[in-house]
Amino acid sequence: MAGPRTSGTRTRYGLREAILTFAFRDLQASALVSGAFLDNDASLGVSRALGDEETGHSPAHRRGELTEVLDLKLDRATWEAPSHPKVEVMGFEACRDFFIASPTSPVGEAFE
């Protein structure tokens, strides 16, 4: 897997890597879905470098015009295959219910 090549790409790569680590390790996500506009090469490059797979296209509006988003998915097994830098999360236990849908969390109502 090729690494990021420019400073901006390295920053986006590192930020996305930290978010994915948090989602899979701390939130116990089984898969994550995302997307990017077809002409957003930087975002798509970072997503592909981290293992995202294309799952289709969706219509989207951007600046009042109809366009397409490339739908992406990253599952836990793909994420866990390579090693990743250590990410430390502080204060998560105090706000766990906010992130994980449960009967006591504000997000849980959306899944009932």
Protein backbone atom coordinates (compact mmCIF):
# COMPACT_ATOMS: atom_id res chain seq x y z
CA MET A 1 0.00 0.00 0.00
CA ALA A 2 1.53 3.30 -1.04
CA GLY A 3 1.82 5.97 1.61
CA PRO A 4 0.82 9.61 1.31
CA ARG A 5 3.06 11.78 -0.87
CA THR A 6 2.39 15.41 0.04
CA SER A 7 2.20 17.25 3.33
CA GLY A 8 -1.54 17.90 2.96
CA THR A 9 -2.19 14.30 2.04
CA ARG A 10 -0.11 13.08 5.00
CA THR A 11 -2.20 15.27 7.30
CA ARG A 12 -5.51 13.96 5.88
CA TYR A 13 -4.15 10.41 6.01
CA GLY A 14 -3.08 10.75 9.65
CA LEU A 15 -6.37 12.33 10.71
CA ARG A 16 -8.43 9.70 8.94
CA GLU A 17 -6.26 6.94 10.36
CA ALA A 18 -6.84 8.27 13.89
CA ILE A 19 -10.60 8.48 13.34
CA LEU A 20 -10.74 4.95 11.94
CA THR A 21 -8.72 3.61 14.87
CA PHE A 22 -11.13 5.30 17.28
CA ALA A 23 -14.16 3.92 15.43
CA PHE A 24 -12.94 0.33 15.20
CA ARG A 25 -11.12 0.06 18.54
CA ASP A 26 -13.16 2.25 20.90
CA LEU A 27 -16.58 2.25 19.27
CA GLN A 28 -16.28 -1.40 18.15
CA ALA A 29 -17.56 -0.57 14.64
CA SER A 30 -17.83 -3.56 12.32
CA ALA A 31 -17.66 -1.42 9.17
CA LEU A 32 -17.63 2.23 8.18
CA VAL A 33 -19.23 3.78 5.13
CA SER A 34 -18.22 7.07 3.58
CA GLY A 35 -18.06 8.77 0.25
CA ALA A 36 -16.37 11.45 -1.78
CA PHE A 37 -17.18 13.47 -4.85
CA LEU A 38 -15.79 11.79 -7.95
CA ASP A 39 -13.43 14.70 -8.64
CA ASN A 40 -12.00 14.78 -5.08
CA ASP A 41 -8.81 12.89 -5.89
CA ALA A 42 -7.11 13.73 -2.58
CA SER A 43 -9.94 12.33 -0.45
CA LEU A 44 -10.37 9.27 -2.65
CA GLY A 45 -6.63 8.64 -2.59
CA VAL A 46 -6.51 8.67 1.21
CA SER A 47 -9.58 6.42 1.42
CA ARG A 48 -8.13 3.91 -1.04
CA ALA A 49 -4.71 3.95 0.67
CA LEU A 50 -6.41 3.05 3.97
CA GLY A 51 -8.30 0.12 2.41
CA ASP A 52 -11.73 1.52 1.52
CA GLU A 53 -13.55 -0.39 -1.21
CA GLU A 54 -15.90 1.17 -3.74
CA THR A 55 -19.51 0.08 -3.27
CA GLY A 56 -21.34 2.23 -5.81
CA HIS A 57 -22.38 5.76 -6.68
CA SER A 58 -24.97 8.05 -5.11
CA PRO A 59 -26.47 11.29 -6.38
CA ALA A 60 -25.58 14.39 -4.39
CA HIS A 61 -25.99 18.14 -4.65
CA ARG A 62 -22.95 20.39 -4.58
CA ARG A 63 -23.30 24.15 -4.92
CA GLY A 64 -26.81 23.71 -6.27
CA GLU A 65 -25.82 21.22 -8.98
CA LEU A 66 -26.53 17.50 -9.13
CA THR A 67 -23.38 15.39 -9.14
CA GLU A 68 -22.21 11.96 -7.96
CA VAL A 69 -20.49 10.66 -4.87
CA LEU A 70 -18.42 7.50 -4.92
CA ASP A 71 -19.66 5.31 -2.04
CA LEU A 72 -16.96 3.59 0.01
CA LYS A 73 -16.86 0.96 2.74
CA LEU A 74 -14.12 -0.20 5.09
CA ASP A 75 -14.70 -3.32 7.16
CA ARG A 76 -12.95 -4.28 10.37
CA ALA A 77 -10.97 -7.18 8.85
CA THR A 78 -9.51 -4.96 6.13
CA TRP A 79 -8.65 -2.27 8.68
CA GLU A 80 -6.99 -4.68 11.09
CA ALA A 81 -4.80 -6.39 8.45
CA PRO A 82 -1.93 -3.82 8.43
CA SER A 83 -0.41 -2.27 11.53
CA HIS A 84 -1.28 1.33 12.43
CA PRO A 85 0.40 3.93 14.63
CA LYS A 86 -0.68 4.06 18.26
CA VAL A 87 -3.62 6.40 18.85
CA GLU A 88 -4.42 7.50 22.39
CA VAL A 89 -7.96 8.58 23.24
CA MET A 90 -8.48 10.46 26.48
CA GLY A 91 -11.84 11.09 28.15
CA PHE A 92 -13.81 8.63 26.04
CA GLU A 93 -15.44 6.76 28.93
CA ALA A 94 -17.12 9.96 30.14
CA CYS A 95 -18.91 10.42 26.81
CA ARG A 96 -19.23 6.81 25.56
CA ASP A 97 -23.06 6.95 25.45
CA PHE A 98 -22.92 9.91 23.11
CA PHE A 99 -21.02 7.84 20.52
CA ILE A 100 -22.57 4.42 20.93
CA ALA A 101 -26.27 3.99 20.22
CA SER A 102 -28.00 2.59 23.27
CA PRO A 103 -31.32 3.11 25.03
CA THR A 104 -29.67 5.75 27.24
CA SER A 105 -27.83 7.65 24.51
CA PRO A 106 -29.29 10.52 22.50
CA VAL A 107 -28.27 8.64 19.35
CA GLY A 108 -30.17 5.50 20.40
CA GLU A 109 -33.52 7.11 19.62
CA ALA A 110 -32.58 7.29 15.93
CA PHE A 111 -32.28 3.49 15.78
CA GLU A 112 -35.53 2.57 17.50
